[in-house]
Every structure is written in C-alpha cells, then in structure tokens.
Amino acid sequence: MAVRSAAVPPASGVRPDGAGGPDRSDPADASAEPVRGARAELRRQLREQRRLKTIALLLASLLVLGALPTYFGVRAATRDPVFNSLDALAVPAWAATDTVDGVSGSRWCLIECRFRERTVESDRQWEETAQVYETALAREGWQPWKVALCPEQPVEGRYTCWRRDELTLDMWVRPPACPDPAVSAPGAVPSPGAAGPDAANCDGSRVSIKVRNAIEDDRVGPQPTTDPSLTGVDPDPLLTDSPLGGLTPTPTPS
C-alpha cells in the first residue's frame, strides 16, 4: 500500500516550481515595491530642488556682479563723449572740487550743434590752476589755438583757446567772485576802514570751459577785414580806358 507524503509548502520567497530567484508573488515583496519607488521619486525631487537652487544662486551672482558694470557702461555710452574726455583730464583733486555741467543744442548738429559748458572750482590760486589744466589739455591732444577774439575783450585771469579734431575749446581761469559781506548784508553800512572782499572767502579760483563744434565757431575760417583805410574808397573801374576816348563827336545838323 502506497504511502502519500504530505505536501510541504515552499519556503517563503522561493518559487513553487523550484526555479531559482525569489518568488515575486510574495506579499512582502509586493508591498516593498511602492516604498522603493517613493524613495526614488523623493531622491529625484531633492536633486531637482538642489539643481534649481544652484541655478538661482548663479543667476543672482551674475546679476549682482554685472549690474554695476552694465550701469556704468550704459552711462558712458549715452553720455556726451566731450564730457567724458573732460572727466579724463589728469588734474589734481584740489583743482576739481565742484563740477557743474551745462549743455544745449543737438549732439548730431540737427538745427543747432551742441554747446557744452563746464564750471569747476579750484582750491588754489588761478595761476597754478591754469598751469595744471593747460598741461592736462595738451596731454589729451588739445592744441593751443591763437586766434582773434580769444577773448573778445580783456578779462581778469588767464583766457586760452584750444582745438582738437572738429572741436574748439575756450578756457577761462580766474579768481572767484568774492562778495563783500559788509555790503551784501541787508541794511549793513560799511565801516570807514573796511577792506574790500572778505579775504577768508576769496581763496581758490574758478575754471570755465566752453566746447563747441568748429563749424559753429565764427572764429574758424577767414575773418572779415576791418581795415579803416578801405572805408569810403571807391572801387577800381572795370574798364580803365574809355572806348570813346579817341573819337570826335559828329555835329548834329541844325
């Protein structure tokens, strides 16, 4: 009589057919799959967040590092190049303590060419100030320009004219305007021994620079003569000899 052997259930994780490898139908393994998938997704999200943070930091650094150079570059490109060249003059700090710029007209000479004017305060006397400015202008390529009407009338201090390329430049270095506090004060009456301007407020000098296009400068080109010897003189006749000088007039019959 044959004896049936009791069926032995397969071990956990072993396939019933005896083939190698774990039994994928195991409930424990089936429940572990979603956990592993969730962890992988979490790691992927963390890597993506770190990548985005790194990109944001790089962009912020580029903006901070590039903001100032961009600002100064745009400012230099849009600002009048004449003022940029005046800024580049190698003068000491004491010779440019306060700068005021003024401009009028068109940079491209539409209807009216541009006229630039700069006023600078200096802490030292006008003689020393004029010397450092003239040296700086010559170093930047400006040539002294000896021309009539430079200045139009005698002035105090030193007045010089310069040319470079298509531009002309007038520079006037002079003592500052010194108001008399005894006279300028309302209702004040100067004392008999009062001096003129207050010496304590009259130190330093003032520099005025005017730059215009040469085509707008009336001093460029030939100037009309004002020789008084030509005033009232009749011009020479076009014909020096009369064509009728040697002919005898024919008498008219009565």
C-alpha atoms as a PDB file:
ATOM      1  CA  MET A   1       0.000   0.000   0.000  1.00  0.00           C
ATOM      2  CA  ALA A   2       1.493   3.279  -1.138  1.00  0.00           C
ATOM      3  CA  VAL A   3       2.011   5.974   1.409  1.00  0.00           C
ATOM      4  CA  ARG A   4       1.381   9.549   0.301  1.00  0.00           C
ATOM      5  CA  SER A   5       3.866  12.025   1.550  1.00  0.00           C
ATOM      6  CA  ALA A   6       2.469  15.234   2.967  1.00  0.00           C
ATOM      7  CA  ALA A   7       2.893  18.241   0.748  1.00  0.00           C
ATOM      8  CA  VAL A   8       5.464  20.592   2.143  1.00  0.00           C
ATOM      9  CA  PRO A   9       4.707  24.270   1.398  1.00  0.00           C
ATOM     10  CA  PRO A  10       7.565  26.052  -0.334  1.00  0.00           C
ATOM     11  CA  ALA A  11       9.764  28.336   1.694  1.00  0.00           C
ATOM     12  CA  SER A  12       8.948  31.993   1.720  1.00  0.00           C
ATOM     13  CA  GLY A  13      10.392  33.795  -1.296  1.00  0.00           C
ATOM     14  CA  VAL A  14      11.028  30.549  -3.236  1.00  0.00           C
ATOM     15  CA  ARG A  15       9.059  29.851  -6.353  1.00  0.00           C
ATOM     16  CA  PRO A  16       6.839  26.725  -6.173  1.00  0.00           C
ATOM     17  CA  ASP A  17       8.288  25.274  -9.411  1.00  0.00           C
ATOM     18  CA  GLY A  18      11.746  25.153  -7.838  1.00  0.00           C
ATOM     19  CA  ALA A  19      13.266  27.641 -10.243  1.00  0.00           C
ATOM     20  CA  GLY A  20      15.935  29.987  -8.920  1.00  0.00           C
ATOM     21  CA  GLY A  21      15.176  33.514  -7.820  1.00  0.00           C
ATOM     22  CA  PRO A  22      12.752  34.945  -5.336  1.00  0.00           C
ATOM     23  CA  ASP A  23       9.077  34.496  -5.630  1.00  0.00           C
ATOM     24  CA  ARG A  24       7.760  37.811  -6.937  1.00  0.00           C
ATOM     25  CA  SER A  25       4.327  36.912  -5.843  1.00  0.00           C
ATOM     26  CA  ASP A  26       5.387  37.207  -2.215  1.00  0.00           C
ATOM     27  CA  PRO A  27       3.105  39.754  -0.500  1.00  0.00           C
ATOM     28  CA  ALA A  28       6.078  41.265   1.406  1.00  0.00           C
ATOM     29  CA  ASP A  29       7.980  41.953  -1.806  1.00  0.00           C
ATOM     30  CA  ALA A  30       4.871  43.317  -3.454  1.00  0.00           C
ATOM     31  CA  SER A  31       4.397  45.836  -0.644  1.00  0.00           C
ATOM     32  CA  ALA A  32       8.103  46.885  -0.780  1.00  0.00           C
ATOM     33  CA  GLU A  33       7.905  47.958  -4.422  1.00  0.00           C
ATOM     34  CA  PRO A  34       5.835  51.140  -3.789  1.00  0.00           C
ATOM     35  CA  VAL A  35       8.170  52.100  -0.920  1.00  0.00           C
ATOM     36  CA  ARG A  36      11.259  51.821  -3.106  1.00  0.00           C
ATOM     37  CA  GLY A  37       9.501  53.782  -5.849  1.00  0.00           C
ATOM     38  CA  ALA A  38       8.535  56.545  -3.416  1.00  0.00           C
ATOM     39  CA  ARG A  39      12.105  56.794  -2.123  1.00  0.00           C
ATOM     40  CA  ALA A  40      13.499  57.047  -5.657  1.00  0.00           C
ATOM     41  CA  GLU A  41      10.973  59.751  -6.505  1.00  0.00           C
ATOM     42  CA  LEU A  42      11.872  61.642  -3.333  1.00  0.00           C
ATOM     43  CA  ARG A  43      15.579  61.480  -4.169  1.00  0.00           C
ATOM     44  CA  ARG A  44      14.836  62.710  -7.702  1.00  0.00           C
ATOM     45  CA  GLN A  45      12.835  65.655  -6.354  1.00  0.00           C
ATOM     46  CA  LEU A  46      15.608  66.548  -3.901  1.00  0.00           C
ATOM     47  CA  ARG A  47      18.182  66.538  -6.722  1.00  0.00           C
ATOM     48  CA  GLU A  48      15.904  68.725  -8.833  1.00  0.00           C
ATOM     49  CA  GLN A  49      15.462  71.211  -5.986  1.00  0.00           C
ATOM     50  CA  ARG A  50      19.225  71.401  -5.413  1.00  0.00           C
ATOM     51  CA  ARG A  51      19.777  71.983  -9.129  1.00  0.00           C
ATOM     52  CA  LEU A  52      17.192  74.780  -9.183  1.00  0.00           C
ATOM     53  CA  LYS A  53      18.735  76.411  -6.113  1.00  0.00           C
ATOM     54  CA  THR A  54      22.198  76.273  -7.698  1.00  0.00           C
ATOM     55  CA  ILE A  55      20.893  77.879 -10.897  1.00  0.00           C
ATOM     56  CA  ALA A  56      19.115  80.590  -8.882  1.00  0.00           C
ATOM     57  CA  LEU A  57      22.290  81.376  -6.926  1.00  0.00           C
ATOM     58  CA  LEU A  58      24.333  81.588 -10.130  1.00  0.00           C
ATOM     59  CA  LEU A  59      21.805  83.920 -11.742  1.00  0.00           C
ATOM     60  CA  ALA A  60      21.712  86.130  -8.640  1.00  0.00           C
ATOM     61  CA  SER A  61      25.508  86.307  -8.584  1.00  0.00           C
ATOM     62  CA  LEU A  62      25.643  87.242 -12.260  1.00  0.00           C
ATOM     63  CA  LEU A  63      23.059  89.964 -11.740  1.00  0.00           C
ATOM     64  CA  VAL A  64      24.901  91.432  -8.766  1.00  0.00           C
ATOM     65  CA  LEU A  65      28.313  91.256 -10.418  1.00  0.00           C
ATOM     66  CA  GLY A  66      27.074  92.561 -13.755  1.00  0.00           C
ATOM     67  CA  ALA A  67      24.705  95.279 -12.561  1.00  0.00           C
ATOM     68  CA  LEU A  68      27.336  97.915 -11.789  1.00  0.00           C
ATOM     69  CA  PRO A  69      29.470  97.379 -14.921  1.00  0.00           C
ATOM     70  CA  THR A  70      26.333  97.429 -17.038  1.00  0.00           C
ATOM     71  CA  TYR A  71      25.141 100.641 -15.401  1.00  0.00           C
ATOM     72  CA  PHE A  72      28.441 102.441 -15.896  1.00  0.00           C
ATOM     73  CA  GLY A  73      28.767 101.064 -19.423  1.00  0.00           C
ATOM     74  CA  VAL A  74      25.343 102.330 -20.444  1.00  0.00           C
ATOM     75  CA  ARG A  75      26.037 105.656 -18.763  1.00  0.00           C
ATOM     76  CA  ALA A  76      29.334 106.042 -20.612  1.00  0.00           C
ATOM     77  CA  ALA A  77      27.712 105.099 -23.926  1.00  0.00           C
ATOM     78  CA  THR A  78      24.821 107.527 -23.592  1.00  0.00           C
ATOM     79  CA  ARG A  79      26.732 110.439 -22.014  1.00  0.00           C
ATOM     80  CA  ASP A  80      28.278 113.135 -24.161  1.00  0.00           C
ATOM     81  CA  PRO A  81      31.804 111.971 -25.124  1.00  0.00           C
ATOM     82  CA  VAL A  82      33.120 115.523 -24.729  1.00  0.00           C
ATOM     83  CA  PHE A  83      32.258 115.476 -21.029  1.00  0.00           C
ATOM     84  CA  ASN A  84      33.857 112.022 -20.796  1.00  0.00           C
ATOM     85  CA  SER A  85      37.079 113.468 -22.229  1.00  0.00           C
ATOM     86  CA  LEU A  86      36.941 116.388 -19.798  1.00  0.00           C
ATOM     87  CA  ASP A  87      36.471 113.904 -16.952  1.00  0.00           C
ATOM     88  CA  ALA A  88      39.637 112.160 -18.123  1.00  0.00           C
ATOM     89  CA  LEU A  89      41.804 115.271 -17.710  1.00  0.00           C
ATOM     90  CA  ALA A  90      44.645 114.437 -15.354  1.00  0.00           C
ATOM     91  CA  VAL A  91      44.216 117.292 -12.899  1.00  0.00           C
ATOM     92  CA  PRO A  92      44.736 117.061  -9.120  1.00  0.00           C
ATOM     93  CA  ALA A  93      41.732 116.662  -6.848  1.00  0.00           C
ATOM     94  CA  TRP A  94      42.178 120.186  -5.478  1.00  0.00           C
ATOM     95  CA  ALA A  95      41.655 121.563  -8.999  1.00  0.00           C
ATOM     96  CA  ALA A  96      38.200 119.994  -9.438  1.00  0.00           C
ATOM     97  CA  THR A  97      36.364 120.290  -6.145  1.00  0.00           C
ATOM     98  CA  ASP A  98      32.956 121.154  -7.595  1.00  0.00           C
ATOM     99  CA  THR A  99      31.884 120.496 -11.186  1.00  0.00           C
ATOM    100  CA  VAL A 100      28.736 121.817 -12.860  1.00  0.00           C
ATOM    101  CA  ASP A 101      27.933 120.884 -16.482  1.00  0.00           C
ATOM    102  CA  GLY A 102      25.545 122.533 -18.899  1.00  0.00           C
ATOM    103  CA  VAL A 103      24.593 121.559 -22.452  1.00  0.00           C
ATOM    104  CA  SER A 104      22.377 122.861 -25.242  1.00  0.00           C
ATOM    105  CA  GLY A 105      21.759 122.026 -28.879  1.00  0.00           C
ATOM    106  CA  SER A 106      21.869 118.710 -30.722  1.00  0.00           C
ATOM    107  CA  ARG A 107      24.700 116.242 -30.442  1.00  0.00           C
ATOM    108  CA  TRP A 108      24.205 115.410 -34.134  1.00  0.00           C
ATOM    109  CA  CYS A 109      24.029 119.111 -35.183  1.00  0.00           C
ATOM    110  CA  LEU A 110      20.312 118.954 -36.010  1.00  0.00           C
ATOM    111  CA  ILE A 111      19.248 122.601 -36.437  1.00  0.00           C
ATOM    112  CA  GLU A 112      21.874 123.661 -33.886  1.00  0.00           C
ATOM    113  CA  CYS A 113      25.114 121.968 -32.887  1.00  0.00           C
ATOM    114  CA  ARG A 114      25.718 121.064 -29.275  1.00  0.00           C
ATOM    115  CA  PHE A 115      27.309 123.596 -26.948  1.00  0.00           C
ATOM    116  CA  ARG A 116      28.942 122.275 -23.774  1.00  0.00           C
ATOM    117  CA  GLU A 117      29.915 124.309 -20.759  1.00  0.00           C
ATOM    118  CA  ARG A 118      31.628 123.238 -17.545  1.00  0.00           C
ATOM    119  CA  THR A 119      32.374 125.264 -14.418  1.00  0.00           C
ATOM    120  CA  VAL A 120      34.915 123.913 -11.921  1.00  0.00           C
ATOM    121  CA  GLU A 121      36.017 125.246  -8.551  1.00  0.00           C
ATOM    122  CA  SER A 122      39.673 125.014  -7.505  1.00  0.00           C
ATOM    123  CA  ASP A 123      41.168 125.272  -4.033  1.00  0.00           C
ATOM    124  CA  ARG A 124      44.325 127.052  -5.237  1.00  0.00           C
ATOM    125  CA  GLN A 125      45.109 130.320  -6.977  1.00  0.00           C
ATOM    126  CA  TRP A 126      44.298 130.812 -10.631  1.00  0.00           C
ATOM    127  CA  GLU A 127      47.938 130.873 -11.784  1.00  0.00           C
ATOM    128  CA  GLU A 128      48.641 127.352 -10.509  1.00  0.00           C
ATOM    129  CA  THR A 129      45.216 126.121 -11.580  1.00  0.00           C
ATOM    130  CA  ALA A 130      45.645 127.404 -15.137  1.00  0.00           C
ATOM    131  CA  GLN A 131      49.015 125.677 -15.412  1.00  0.00           C
ATOM    132  CA  VAL A 132      47.723 122.231 -14.414  1.00  0.00           C
ATOM    133  CA  TYR A 133      44.706 122.498 -16.737  1.00  0.00           C
ATOM    134  CA  GLU A 134      46.781 123.617 -19.718  1.00  0.00           C
ATOM    135  CA  THR A 135      49.195 120.738 -19.132  1.00  0.00           C
ATOM    136  CA  ALA A 136      46.302 118.277 -18.914  1.00  0.00           C
ATOM    137  CA  LEU A 137      44.699 119.589 -22.115  1.00  0.00           C
ATOM    138  CA  ALA A 138      47.971 119.293 -24.044  1.00  0.00           C
ATOM    139  CA  ARG A 139      48.422 115.745 -22.747  1.00  0.00           C
ATOM    140  CA  GLU A 140      44.975 114.822 -24.089  1.00  0.00           C
ATOM    141  CA  GLY A 141      45.774 116.078 -27.585  1.00  0.00           C
ATOM    142  CA  TRP A 142      44.373 119.618 -27.456  1.00  0.00           C
ATOM    143  CA  GLN A 143      46.438 122.145 -29.407  1.00  0.00           C
ATOM    144  CA  PRO A 144      46.746 125.826 -28.373  1.00  0.00           C
ATOM    145  CA  TRP A 145      44.788 127.997 -30.778  1.00  0.00           C
ATOM    146  CA  LYS A 146      45.988 131.540 -31.367  1.00  0.00           C
ATOM    147  CA  VAL A 147      43.008 133.266 -32.891  1.00  0.00           C
ATOM    148  CA  ALA A 148      41.398 136.681 -32.824  1.00  0.00           C
ATOM    149  CA  LEU A 149      38.550 137.260 -30.370  1.00  0.00           C
ATOM    150  CA  CYS A 150      40.148 134.962 -27.823  1.00  0.00           C
ATOM    151  CA  PRO A 151      38.913 136.566 -25.680  1.00  0.00           C
ATOM    152  CA  GLU A 152      36.603 139.131 -27.222  1.00  0.00           C
ATOM    153  CA  GLN A 153      37.623 141.660 -24.571  1.00  0.00           C
ATOM    154  CA  PRO A 154      40.278 141.828 -21.839  1.00  0.00           C
ATOM    155  CA  VAL A 155      39.414 139.723 -18.799  1.00  0.00           C
ATOM    156  CA  GLU A 156      40.931 139.051 -15.417  1.00  0.00           C
ATOM    157  CA  GLY A 157      42.952 135.877 -15.020  1.00  0.00           C
ATOM    158  CA  ARG A 158      44.051 133.731 -17.967  1.00  0.00           C
ATOM    159  CA  TYR A 159      41.958 133.037 -21.082  1.00  0.00           C
ATOM    160  CA  THR A 160      43.169 130.481 -23.645  1.00  0.00           C
ATOM    161  CA  CYS A 161      41.687 128.762 -26.705  1.00  0.00           C
ATOM    162  CA  TRP A 162      42.308 125.219 -27.957  1.00  0.00           C
ATOM    163  CA  ARG A 163      41.439 122.960 -30.898  1.00  0.00           C
ATOM    164  CA  ARG A 164      41.192 119.184 -31.310  1.00  0.00           C
ATOM    165  CA  ASP A 165      39.661 117.395 -34.284  1.00  0.00           C
ATOM    166  CA  GLU A 166      36.306 119.040 -35.023  1.00  0.00           C
ATOM    167  CA  LEU A 167      36.030 120.837 -31.663  1.00  0.00           C
ATOM    168  CA  THR A 168      37.136 124.190 -30.255  1.00  0.00           C
ATOM    169  CA  LEU A 169      37.592 124.888 -26.556  1.00  0.00           C
ATOM    170  CA  ASP A 170      37.722 128.139 -24.577  1.00  0.00           C
ATOM    171  CA  MET A 171      39.094 128.060 -21.032  1.00  0.00           C
ATOM    172  CA  TRP A 172      38.987 130.944 -18.607  1.00  0.00           C
ATOM    173  CA  VAL A 173      40.747 130.586 -15.245  1.00  0.00           C
ATOM    174  CA  ARG A 174      40.157 133.482 -12.880  1.00  0.00           C
ATOM    175  CA  PRO A 175      39.833 134.423  -9.228  1.00  0.00           C
ATOM    176  CA  PRO A 176      36.460 133.637  -7.680  1.00  0.00           C
ATOM    177  CA  ALA A 177      33.777 136.244  -7.232  1.00  0.00           C
ATOM    178  CA  CYS A 178      34.176 137.435  -3.655  1.00  0.00           C
ATOM    179  CA  PRO A 179      31.150 139.231  -2.213  1.00  0.00           C
ATOM    180  CA  ASP A 180      31.758 141.875   0.391  1.00  0.00           C
ATOM    181  CA  PRO A 181      29.822 140.708   3.478  1.00  0.00           C
ATOM    182  CA  ALA A 182      29.647 144.271   4.810  1.00  0.00           C
ATOM    183  CA  VAL A 183      27.917 145.425   1.631  1.00  0.00           C
ATOM    184  CA  SER A 184      25.892 142.314   0.831  1.00  0.00           C
ATOM    185  CA  ALA A 185      24.265 142.136   4.272  1.00  0.00           C
ATOM    186  CA  PRO A 186      20.829 143.803   4.191  1.00  0.00           C
ATOM    187  CA  GLY A 187      20.869 147.176   5.892  1.00  0.00           C
ATOM    188  CA  ALA A 188      24.570 146.989   6.644  1.00  0.00           C
ATOM    189  CA  VAL A 189      26.722 150.105   6.400  1.00  0.00           C
ATOM    190  CA  PRO A 190      30.423 149.526   5.691  1.00  0.00           C
ATOM    191  CA  SER A 191      32.775 150.923   8.279  1.00  0.00           C
ATOM    192  CA  PRO A 192      35.296 153.604   7.213  1.00  0.00           C
ATOM    193  CA  GLY A 193      38.245 151.191   7.478  1.00  0.00           C
ATOM    194  CA  ALA A 194      36.523 148.190   5.946  1.00  0.00           C
ATOM    195  CA  ALA A 195      38.513 146.367   3.287  1.00  0.00           C
ATOM    196  CA  GLY A 196      37.013 145.052   0.090  1.00  0.00           C
ATOM    197  CA  PRO A 197      36.011 141.396  -0.257  1.00  0.00           C
ATOM    198  CA  ASP A 198      36.454 139.090   2.666  1.00  0.00           C
ATOM    199  CA  ALA A 199      39.867 137.506   2.194  1.00  0.00           C
ATOM    200  CA  ALA A 200      38.817 134.368   4.059  1.00  0.00           C
ATOM    201  CA  ASN A 201      36.170 133.647   1.396  1.00  0.00           C
ATOM    202  CA  CYS A 202      38.330 134.505  -1.628  1.00  0.00           C
ATOM    203  CA  ASP A 203      40.700 131.564  -1.693  1.00  0.00           C
ATOM    204  CA  GLY A 204      40.986 129.380  -4.753  1.00  0.00           C
ATOM    205  CA  SER A 205      39.879 130.049  -8.305  1.00  0.00           C
ATOM    206  CA  ARG A 206      37.205 129.209 -10.855  1.00  0.00           C
ATOM    207  CA  VAL A 207      37.588 127.468 -14.207  1.00  0.00           C
ATOM    208  CA  SER A 208      35.098 127.926 -17.055  1.00  0.00           C
ATOM    209  CA  ILE A 209      35.372 125.620 -20.083  1.00  0.00           C
ATOM    210  CA  LYS A 210      33.275 126.030 -23.227  1.00  0.00           C
ATOM    211  CA  VAL A 211      33.374 123.480 -26.046  1.00  0.00           C
ATOM    212  CA  ARG A 212      31.643 123.894 -29.404  1.00  0.00           C
ATOM    213  CA  ASN A 213      31.804 122.304 -32.825  1.00  0.00           C
ATOM    214  CA  ALA A 214      34.242 124.061 -35.136  1.00  0.00           C
ATOM    215  CA  ILE A 215      31.590 124.524 -37.834  1.00  0.00           C
ATOM    216  CA  GLU A 216      29.581 126.570 -35.326  1.00  0.00           C
ATOM    217  CA  ASP A 217      32.556 128.661 -34.197  1.00  0.00           C
ATOM    218  CA  ASP A 218      32.613 132.002 -36.019  1.00  0.00           C
ATOM    219  CA  ARG A 219      36.369 132.305 -35.456  1.00  0.00           C
ATOM    220  CA  VAL A 220      37.118 129.347 -37.729  1.00  0.00           C
ATOM    221  CA  GLY A 221      37.893 130.351 -41.318  1.00  0.00           C
ATOM    222  CA  PRO A 222      38.714 133.758 -42.832  1.00  0.00           C
ATOM    223  CA  GLN A 223      37.570 136.765 -40.878  1.00  0.00           C
ATOM    224  CA  PRO A 224      36.155 139.920 -42.495  1.00  0.00           C
ATOM    225  CA  THR A 225      38.645 142.772 -42.646  1.00  0.00           C
ATOM    226  CA  THR A 226      38.056 145.929 -40.648  1.00  0.00           C
ATOM    227  CA  ASP A 227      40.913 147.981 -42.111  1.00  0.00           C
ATOM    228  CA  PRO A 228      39.803 151.625 -41.749  1.00  0.00           C
ATOM    229  CA  SER A 229      41.863 152.654 -44.801  1.00  0.00           C
ATOM    230  CA  LEU A 230      39.326 150.898 -47.027  1.00  0.00           C
ATOM    231  CA  THR A 231      36.398 152.838 -45.670  1.00  0.00           C
ATOM    232  CA  GLY A 232      34.958 155.282 -48.249  1.00  0.00           C
ATOM    233  CA  VAL A 233      37.347 154.302 -51.070  1.00  0.00           C
ATOM    234  CA  ASP A 234      35.673 153.826 -54.464  1.00  0.00           C
ATOM    235  CA  PRO A 235      36.452 150.524 -56.135  1.00  0.00           C
ATOM    236  CA  ASP A 236      38.554 150.455 -59.284  1.00  0.00           C
ATOM    237  CA  PRO A 237      36.552 150.791 -62.534  1.00  0.00           C
ATOM    238  CA  LEU A 238      36.025 147.690 -64.531  1.00  0.00           C
ATOM    239  CA  LEU A 239      37.280 149.446 -67.734  1.00  0.00           C
ATOM    240  CA  THR A 240      40.427 151.533 -67.290  1.00  0.00           C
ATOM    241  CA  ASP A 241      40.253 153.179 -70.796  1.00  0.00           C
ATOM    242  CA  SER A 242      37.080 154.636 -72.251  1.00  0.00           C
ATOM    243  CA  PRO A 243      36.257 153.121 -75.657  1.00  0.00           C
ATOM    244  CA  LEU A 244      35.070 156.582 -76.818  1.00  0.00           C
ATOM    245  CA  GLY A 245      38.164 158.497 -75.758  1.00  0.00           C
ATOM    246  CA  GLY A 246      39.729 158.866 -79.256  1.00  0.00           C
ATOM    247  CA  LEU A 247      36.560 159.642 -81.243  1.00  0.00           C
ATOM    248  CA  THR A 248      35.434 163.087 -82.326  1.00  0.00           C
ATOM    249  CA  PRO A 249      31.739 163.642 -81.806  1.00  0.00           C
ATOM    250  CA  THR A 250      29.761 164.217 -85.018  1.00  0.00           C
ATOM    251  CA  PRO A 251      27.993 167.609 -85.107  1.00  0.00           C
ATOM    252  CA  THR A 252      24.259 167.423 -85.184  1.00  0.00           C
ATOM    253  CA  PRO A 253      22.675 169.205 -88.219  1.00  0.00           C
ATOM    254  CA  SER A 254      20.649 172.243 -87.344  1.00  0.00           C
END
